[in-house]
Structures are given as C-alpha cells and as structure tokens.
Protein backbone atom coordinates (compact mmCIF):
# COMPACT_ATOMS: atom_id res chain seq x y z
CA UNK A 1 119.69 83.67 76.79
CA UNK A 2 118.81 84.20 73.28
CA UNK A 3 117.58 88.13 72.54
CA UNK A 4 114.27 88.25 71.30
CA UNK A 5 113.61 90.66 68.04
CA UNK A 6 113.57 94.45 69.04
CA UNK A 7 114.30 93.96 72.48
CA UNK A 8 117.99 96.16 73.10
CA UNK A 9 119.48 97.42 75.48
CA UNK A 10 121.06 96.51 79.32
CA UNK A 11 119.17 93.82 80.99
CA UNK A 12 116.89 94.58 83.52
CA UNK A 13 116.21 91.84 85.95
CA UNK A 14 113.19 91.35 88.08
CA UNK A 15 112.98 89.03 91.66
CA UNK A 16 110.05 87.91 93.51
CA UNK A 17 105.89 86.64 92.52
CA UNK A 18 104.08 86.42 89.99
CA UNK A 19 100.73 85.56 90.52
CA UNK A 20 97.26 84.70 88.89
CA UNK A 21 94.86 87.93 90.24
CA UNK A 22 90.64 86.52 90.25
CA UNK A 23 89.11 89.83 89.57
CA UNK A 24 84.99 89.92 89.97
CA UNK A 25 82.96 90.80 86.93
CA UNK A 26 81.03 93.49 89.05
CA UNK A 27 83.22 96.15 90.67
CA UNK A 28 82.34 97.97 93.92
CA UNK A 29 81.13 94.31 95.15
CA UNK A 30 82.63 92.35 98.41
CA UNK A 31 84.79 89.60 97.34
CA UNK A 32 81.49 87.22 99.32
CA UNK A 33 78.99 89.51 96.16
CA UNK A 34 81.22 89.16 93.41
CA UNK A 35 78.74 87.10 91.51
CA UNK A 36 82.14 85.62 88.98
CA UNK A 37 85.59 86.43 88.78
CA UNK A 38 87.89 86.86 85.69
CA UNK A 39 91.24 85.86 85.99
CA UNK A 40 94.15 88.72 85.29
CA UNK A 41 98.12 87.12 85.42
CA UNK A 42 99.48 89.80 88.41
CA UNK A 43 102.65 90.34 90.48
CA UNK A 44 104.60 93.07 90.70
CA UNK A 45 107.95 92.39 89.72
CA UNK A 46 106.51 90.33 86.67
CA UNK A 47 104.64 92.98 85.57
CA UNK A 48 107.43 95.84 85.85
CA UNK A 49 108.95 93.12 83.75
CA UNK A 50 106.54 92.58 81.23
CA UNK A 51 106.10 96.47 81.45
CA UNK A 52 110.56 97.29 80.51
CA UNK A 53 109.76 94.13 77.74
CA UNK A 54 106.58 96.41 75.80
CA UNK A 55 109.35 99.30 75.56
CA UNK A 56 111.61 97.36 73.82
CA UNK A 57 113.69 96.73 76.75
CA UNK A 58 115.66 92.99 77.91
CA UNK A 59 114.04 92.23 80.94
CA UNK A 60 114.51 88.85 82.38
CA UNK A 61 112.10 87.21 85.60
CA UNK A 62 113.54 85.25 88.14
CA UNK A 63 110.73 83.55 90.75
CA UNK A 64 109.35 79.62 91.38
CA UNK A 65 106.16 78.81 90.28
CA UNK A 66 103.95 76.00 90.91
CA UNK A 67 104.31 73.59 88.60
CA UNK A 68 100.65 73.60 87.75
CA UNK A 69 98.13 75.03 84.68
CA UNK A 70 98.11 78.48 85.82
CA UNK A 71 102.06 78.33 86.48
CA UNK A 72 102.68 77.10 82.85
CA UNK A 73 100.34 79.57 82.00
CA UNK A 74 101.91 82.71 83.49
CA UNK A 75 105.48 81.52 81.81
CA UNK A 76 104.22 81.13 78.35
CA UNK A 77 102.78 85.44 78.80
CA UNK A 78 106.19 85.73 79.99
CA UNK A 79 107.87 84.59 76.63
CA UNK A 80 104.49 85.99 75.09
CA UNK A 81 106.06 89.47 76.08
CA UNK A 82 109.50 88.82 74.89
CA UNK A 83 110.50 88.53 79.21
CA UNK A 84 114.12 85.64 79.17
CA UNK A 85 112.54 82.78 81.17
CA UNK A 86 115.54 81.00 82.37
CA UNK A 87 115.86 82.00 85.90
CA UNK A 88 111.54 80.92 87.00
CA UNK A 89 111.77 77.46 88.26
CA UNK A 90 108.79 74.79 88.72
CA UNK A 91 107.76 73.48 92.37
CA UNK A 92 106.26 69.95 91.73
CA UNK A 93 104.65 70.12 95.63
CA UNK A 94 103.79 73.98 96.06
CA UNK A 95 100.73 75.91 93.76
CA UNK A 96 101.01 78.99 91.91
CA UNK A 97 99.71 81.51 94.07
CA UNK A 98 96.56 83.24 93.48
CA UNK A 99 94.87 86.49 95.16
CA UNK A 100 91.93 87.47 94.77
CA UNK A 101 91.19 91.30 94.19
CA UNK A 102 87.85 93.57 94.55
CA UNK A 103 87.63 97.16 94.15
CA UNK A 104 85.39 98.26 96.69
CA UNK A 105 82.57 101.05 95.84
CA UNK A 106 85.34 103.41 97.46
CA UNK A 107 87.66 102.70 95.36
CA UNK A 108 90.15 101.25 97.75
CA UNK A 109 91.22 97.40 96.74
CA UNK A 110 90.44 94.73 98.87
CA UNK A 111 92.77 91.36 98.73
CA UNK A 112 92.73 87.91 99.30
CA UNK A 113 95.79 85.68 99.00
CA UNK A 114 95.70 81.96 98.48
CA UNK A 115 99.45 81.05 98.98
CA UNK A 116 99.88 78.37 101.94
CA UNK A 117 102.37 78.23 101.06
CA UNK A 118 102.99 79.00 97.45
CA UNK A 119 105.34 77.90 95.15
CA UNK A 120 107.12 81.67 95.17
CA UNK A 121 107.58 81.80 98.65
CA UNK A 122 109.60 78.11 98.64
CA UNK A 123 112.31 79.48 95.78
CA UNK A 124 115.76 78.36 98.02
CA UNK A 125 119.36 80.56 97.41
CA UNK A 126 121.36 77.06 95.38
CA UNK A 127 118.24 77.89 92.90
CA UNK A 128 118.88 81.01 92.48
CA UNK A 129 120.63 81.08 88.41
CA UNK A 130 124.12 83.57 89.02
CA UNK A 131 125.01 83.49 86.18
CA UNK A 132 121.45 85.42 84.48
CA UNK A 133 121.88 87.81 88.11
CA UNK A 134 125.08 88.81 87.37
CA UNK A 135 124.65 89.97 83.69
CA UNK A 136 122.00 92.33 85.64
CA UNK A 137 122.37 96.14 84.75
CA UNK A 138 119.43 96.92 86.97
CA UNK A 139 117.42 94.51 89.21
CA UNK A 140 114.23 95.22 90.54
CA UNK A 141 112.32 93.83 93.91
CA UNK A 142 109.65 94.17 96.19
CA UNK A 143 109.22 93.72 99.25
CA UNK A 144 106.61 90.28 99.17
CA UNK A 145 109.79 87.53 99.15
CA UNK A 146 111.15 88.54 102.26
CA UNK A 147 107.88 87.53 104.21
CA UNK A 148 109.12 83.89 104.89
CA UNK A 149 111.73 81.48 104.69
CA UNK A 150 113.66 79.92 101.81
CA UNK A 151 112.44 82.83 100.31
CA UNK A 152 113.94 85.75 102.35
CA UNK A 153 117.22 84.04 102.09
CA UNK A 154 117.34 83.60 98.36
CA UNK A 155 115.87 87.23 98.08
CA UNK A 156 119.20 88.82 100.03
CA UNK A 157 121.54 86.73 97.94
CA UNK A 158 119.92 87.33 95.23
CA UNK A 159 120.70 91.28 95.97
CA UNK A 160 124.14 90.54 96.74
CA UNK A 161 124.92 89.03 93.46
CA UNK A 162 123.52 92.11 91.29
CA UNK A 163 125.15 94.14 93.40
CA UNK A 164 128.79 92.25 92.37
CA UNK A 165 128.04 92.02 89.52
CA UNK A 166 127.59 96.32 89.03
CA UNK A 167 123.98 96.39 88.70
CA UNK A 168 121.63 99.44 90.21
CA UNK A 169 119.39 97.76 93.07
CA UNK A 170 115.69 99.15 92.26
CA UNK A 171 112.99 98.31 95.09
CA UNK A 172 109.18 99.35 95.06
CA UNK A 173 107.75 98.15 98.34
CA UNK A 174 104.85 97.13 97.18
CA UNK A 175 103.11 96.96 100.55
CA UNK A 176 100.67 93.98 100.27
CA UNK A 177 99.20 94.22 104.71
CA UNK A 178 96.98 91.17 104.48
CA UNK A 179 100.31 88.98 103.24
CA UNK A 180 102.19 89.89 106.90
CA UNK A 181 101.97 88.92 110.14
CA UNK A 182 101.67 92.53 111.74
CA UNK A 183 102.24 95.61 110.26
CA UNK A 184 104.95 96.43 112.65
CA UNK A 185 106.90 93.13 111.23
CA UNK A 186 105.68 95.05 107.50
CA UNK A 187 107.33 97.46 108.42
CA UNK A 188 110.51 96.65 109.97
CA UNK A 189 111.68 93.93 107.17
CA UNK A 190 110.57 96.59 104.89
CA UNK A 191 113.01 98.77 106.43
CA UNK A 192 115.42 95.59 106.80
CA UNK A 193 116.89 96.35 103.73
CA UNK A 194 116.24 99.95 102.88
CA UNK A 195 120.41 100.85 103.00
CA UNK A 196 120.85 98.75 100.10
CA UNK A 197 118.72 100.20 97.41
CA UNK A 198 119.99 102.97 94.59
CA UNK A 199 116.45 104.09 93.74
CA UNK A 200 113.18 103.63 95.48
CA UNK A 201 109.80 103.89 94.18
CA UNK A 202 106.64 104.32 96.52
CA UNK A 203 103.47 105.49 96.74
CA UNK A 204 101.84 107.93 98.67
CA UNK A 205 100.52 105.55 100.92
CA UNK A 206 103.42 103.31 101.64
CA UNK A 207 105.58 107.29 102.50
CA UNK A 208 101.96 107.25 105.02
CA UNK A 209 102.80 103.74 106.59
CA UNK A 210 106.70 103.61 106.78
CA UNK A 211 106.71 106.95 108.24
CA UNK A 212 103.59 107.75 109.94
CA UNK A 213 103.43 110.99 108.33
CA UNK A 214 101.51 112.64 106.22
CA UNK A 215 102.72 112.99 102.54
CA UNK A 216 105.59 115.79 102.95
CA UNK A 217 108.85 116.54 101.09
CA UNK A 218 109.58 116.40 105.12
CA UNK A 219 108.53 113.13 105.42
CA UNK A 220 110.00 112.09 101.93
CA UNK A 221 113.05 112.72 102.77
CA UNK A 222 113.33 111.39 106.05
CA UNK A 223 113.61 107.87 103.97
CA UNK A 224 116.49 109.32 102.63
CA UNK A 225 119.35 106.85 103.11
CA UNK A 226 123.58 108.53 101.54
CA UNK A 227 123.93 105.44 98.99
CA UNK A 228 120.41 106.98 97.56
CA UNK A 229 120.97 108.01 94.04
CA UNK A 230 116.87 108.51 93.81
CA UNK A 231 113.37 108.60 95.70
CA UNK A 232 110.40 108.55 93.86
CA UNK A 233 106.80 108.98 95.41
CA UNK A 234 103.72 107.85 93.35
CA UNK A 235 100.64 110.20 93.90
CA UNK A 236 98.09 108.69 91.86
CA UNK A 237 96.56 110.91 90.14
CA UNK A 238 98.34 113.40 91.09
CA UNK A 239 101.64 112.34 89.18
CA UNK A 240 105.15 112.49 91.07
CA UNK A 241 107.90 113.26 93.49
CA UNK A 242 111.06 113.08 92.60
CA UNK A 243 114.47 113.74 95.13
CA UNK A 244 117.95 113.21 94.31
CA UNK A 245 121.20 114.48 96.49
CA UNK A 246 121.06 117.67 94.42
CA UNK A 247 117.31 118.38 93.83
CA UNK A 248 113.80 117.87 93.95
CA UNK A 249 110.61 118.73 92.52
CA UNK A 250 106.65 117.54 91.52
CA UNK A 251 105.86 116.41 87.88
CA UNK A 252 102.60 117.01 86.36
CA UNK A 253 99.93 113.06 85.78
CA UNK A 254 97.83 112.77 82.40
CA UNK A 255 94.30 112.72 82.84
CA UNK A 256 92.47 109.57 81.71
CA UNK A 257 89.05 108.08 82.27
CA UNK A 258 90.53 105.65 85.07
CA UNK A 259 89.15 101.83 85.05
CA UNK A 260 91.96 100.12 87.12
CA UNK A 261 94.48 101.26 88.72
CA UNK A 262 96.08 97.57 88.78
CA UNK A 263 99.67 97.52 87.46
CA UNK A 264 99.94 101.20 87.16
CA UNK A 265 103.00 102.18 89.69
CA UNK A 266 104.68 98.91 87.99
CA UNK A 267 103.82 100.39 84.78
CA UNK A 268 105.76 103.36 85.86
CA UNK A 269 108.67 101.77 87.18
CA UNK A 270 109.31 99.73 84.09
CA UNK A 271 109.41 102.55 81.79
CA UNK A 272 111.68 104.78 84.28
CA UNK A 273 113.87 101.41 84.65
CA UNK A 274 113.91 101.18 81.12
CA UNK A 275 114.54 104.86 79.86
CA UNK A 276 118.02 104.59 82.86
CA UNK A 277 119.29 101.48 82.43
CA UNK A 278 121.61 102.37 79.74
CA UNK A 279 122.23 105.69 80.72
CA UNK A 280 122.16 105.97 84.51
CA UNK A 281 123.38 109.53 84.17
CA UNK A 282 119.80 111.09 83.39
CA UNK A 283 119.81 110.46 87.33
CA UNK A 284 121.92 113.53 87.48
CA UNK A 285 120.22 115.61 84.91
CA UNK A 286 117.32 117.36 86.75
CA UNK A 287 115.62 118.28 83.03
CA UNK A 288 116.39 114.79 81.55
CA UNK A 289 115.13 112.95 84.65
CA UNK A 290 111.79 114.91 84.27
CA UNK A 291 111.48 114.32 80.18
CA UNK A 292 111.67 110.79 81.52
CA UNK A 293 109.39 111.25 84.27
CA UNK A 294 106.88 112.95 82.27
CA UNK A 295 106.69 109.18 80.36
CA UNK A 296 106.27 107.18 83.02
CA UNK A 297 104.00 108.85 84.05
CA UNK A 298 101.92 108.87 80.70
CA UNK A 299 103.15 104.53 80.92
CA UNK A 300 100.89 104.50 84.07
CA UNK A 301 98.22 106.31 83.40
CA UNK A 302 97.56 104.50 79.75
CA UNK A 303 97.89 101.18 82.15
CA UNK A 304 94.70 102.38 84.29
CA UNK A 305 92.53 103.04 80.76
CA UNK A 306 91.82 99.35 81.09
CA UNK A 307 91.06 96.19 83.69
CA UNK A 308 94.25 93.56 84.66
CA UNK A 309 98.03 94.48 84.79
CA UNK A 310 99.34 92.86 82.50
CA UNK A 311 97.16 93.00 79.36
CA UNK A 312 96.94 97.44 79.83
CA UNK A 313 100.59 97.80 79.88
CA UNK A 314 102.04 100.36 77.01
CA UNK A 315 103.94 100.11 74.22
CA UNK A 316 106.28 102.91 72.90
CA UNK A 317 103.95 104.82 69.82
CA UNK A 318 100.64 104.01 72.18
CA UNK A 319 102.96 106.89 75.05
CA UNK A 320 103.94 108.58 72.29
CA UNK A 321 100.34 109.06 71.24
CA UNK A 322 98.73 110.60 74.95
CA UNK A 323 102.41 112.89 75.43
CA UNK A 324 101.53 114.32 71.73
CA UNK A 325 97.75 114.42 72.55
C-alpha cells in the first residue's frame, strides 16, 4: 500500500458506491426537457475518500465498478487524487452505475438511476480486501450498499472487520429514496445498523425522514444511541448542529454564492474525518470540536460554489483563505 507524496496520517477507508452523475447543461429544467448532459464522477463514499485526500489525508476506497470505460475512468480519478485503490474490483458482467441528476427550478434535485444491477451492488464478502479494511483508523459508509444482496452482506462484514481492527465507524445514511423499494424499507434498513456507528452525520431532510419530526434538538436526540460519540446534523446554508454525550451546540455557516449543492455534505464529513483521524479526543473537547466543524462548514460551502462534487472539493489553502476572509 504505497503512501502518496504529501498524504499523511491515519488511514480513512470509504466503502460503497461510485458512479457517474449526468448533470444537465441547463439548470431548472426537468430531465425530459434537458437539452444535454455533462458527465460528473460521483457517489458519496468515493467523494468522501477524495475530500480526505485533497486535504492531505490518507484515504482508500472499497467498492466494485463495471469493467467498462466509465469504471476505468472513475478508478483513474481516484488515483489522480491520491486515493488508495487496492480495495476496488471490476465486474466483467455488470456496468458502472449511472445517475441522471437535475436541479429543478425550486432548487430540489431529481434523480433517475440506472442500476439493474450495477457492479457496485454485486460486491461479495469473499471479494473484500480484509488487509486494507483492517488497517483503517476510520471506516466510513452510507446506506445505499444495504439495499440489495450480495453487497449488503459485504457491507456488514466490512463493518465487522473494521471494528475488529479498532476503527471508528462513521455513518452518513445519504438517503436516496428512488433507489429503495419503499420509504418504510429505507427507514428500516438505515436504522438496522444505526446502533453500531461511533459517528453519524445526517442532513436536516434525513433527520425529518428518520424521526417523522421537524428539525429540533429533541428530534436529533431521539436518534442518540448509547455507543454514539458524535451526532452531526447539517443544515445546508444554516450551518450545522453537533451532539455528544456531554454537550451540544451549533456552528454558523459561511455565506457563499451557491451554484450546486452536490457533494457539500461529503466535503463536510470528509474534512471532519481528516481532522479527527489522528486525534479522536477532539470529539470530547467542545472548543476544539467547534474549530474543526467551522473548518468542515467552510469545506462544504466551497464545494457549493462550483458544479459537480469532485471538481469542487477544496484543498487546505482554499479553506484557509475562506476562514481568513
């Protein structure tokens, strides 16, 4: 496992899907009305791996791609960004997943997915790179890999391997309702692994979906479980809230000119993981945690100023520039 130049610190391993997002050349129209599409690499766990690497951290991605042009393109993007690719496999029989994403006039995103099945859904337990996963200081994952077998079993096994290796388990459900058979199934499966995570990040929309309540401290704390160390709720342009065993609070946002919100949450969580991987005691120190969350908010804000997730993920100097401004 080669160390890239300039990448240091404990290893953060991201598990799950990587895909191609097709984004319309014109905003504010439905998918059927879009005149054309630009291809943008995406997939939340892969975005997080790249976010960590852009900030100088050591990250790896574990997942499966189609043995096709898009799959090879995505792996080369990971490598160009310094992400360790030893945990990636190619499936000879299934395609790399595709998603068509449009920003409607009201700012909401509409998704249409092509995965029937896509390669990421076909990763098996036997194909996991156990050596790589057991070296993780932090193991990060979402919920899309829980939707179907065999990927679901591979996901659960990978969590066990990471935990046995002493990793902090980081969970961002990354709700994509169109991929689930029903909202009830989505809620049930997202919550099925809830109690195992050490750190959980949800968006305000996900908080409402999981609790059937409006966003509030009470709603957030209803998601608390005894083994949890840190619960984060991202509030888009309103910043974020944090909850630990001993304290909770809010951190203000940065005002920027938003172009596209894709990947902002991944930049946020990736930068947080990068900052705590070698010093997890930060979670218990409110002053230091607030500093790290301010940095994470800045990373999320910068990501919204450009189109697409991966091209917009910031470097440390860009973040420092915004913090100083």
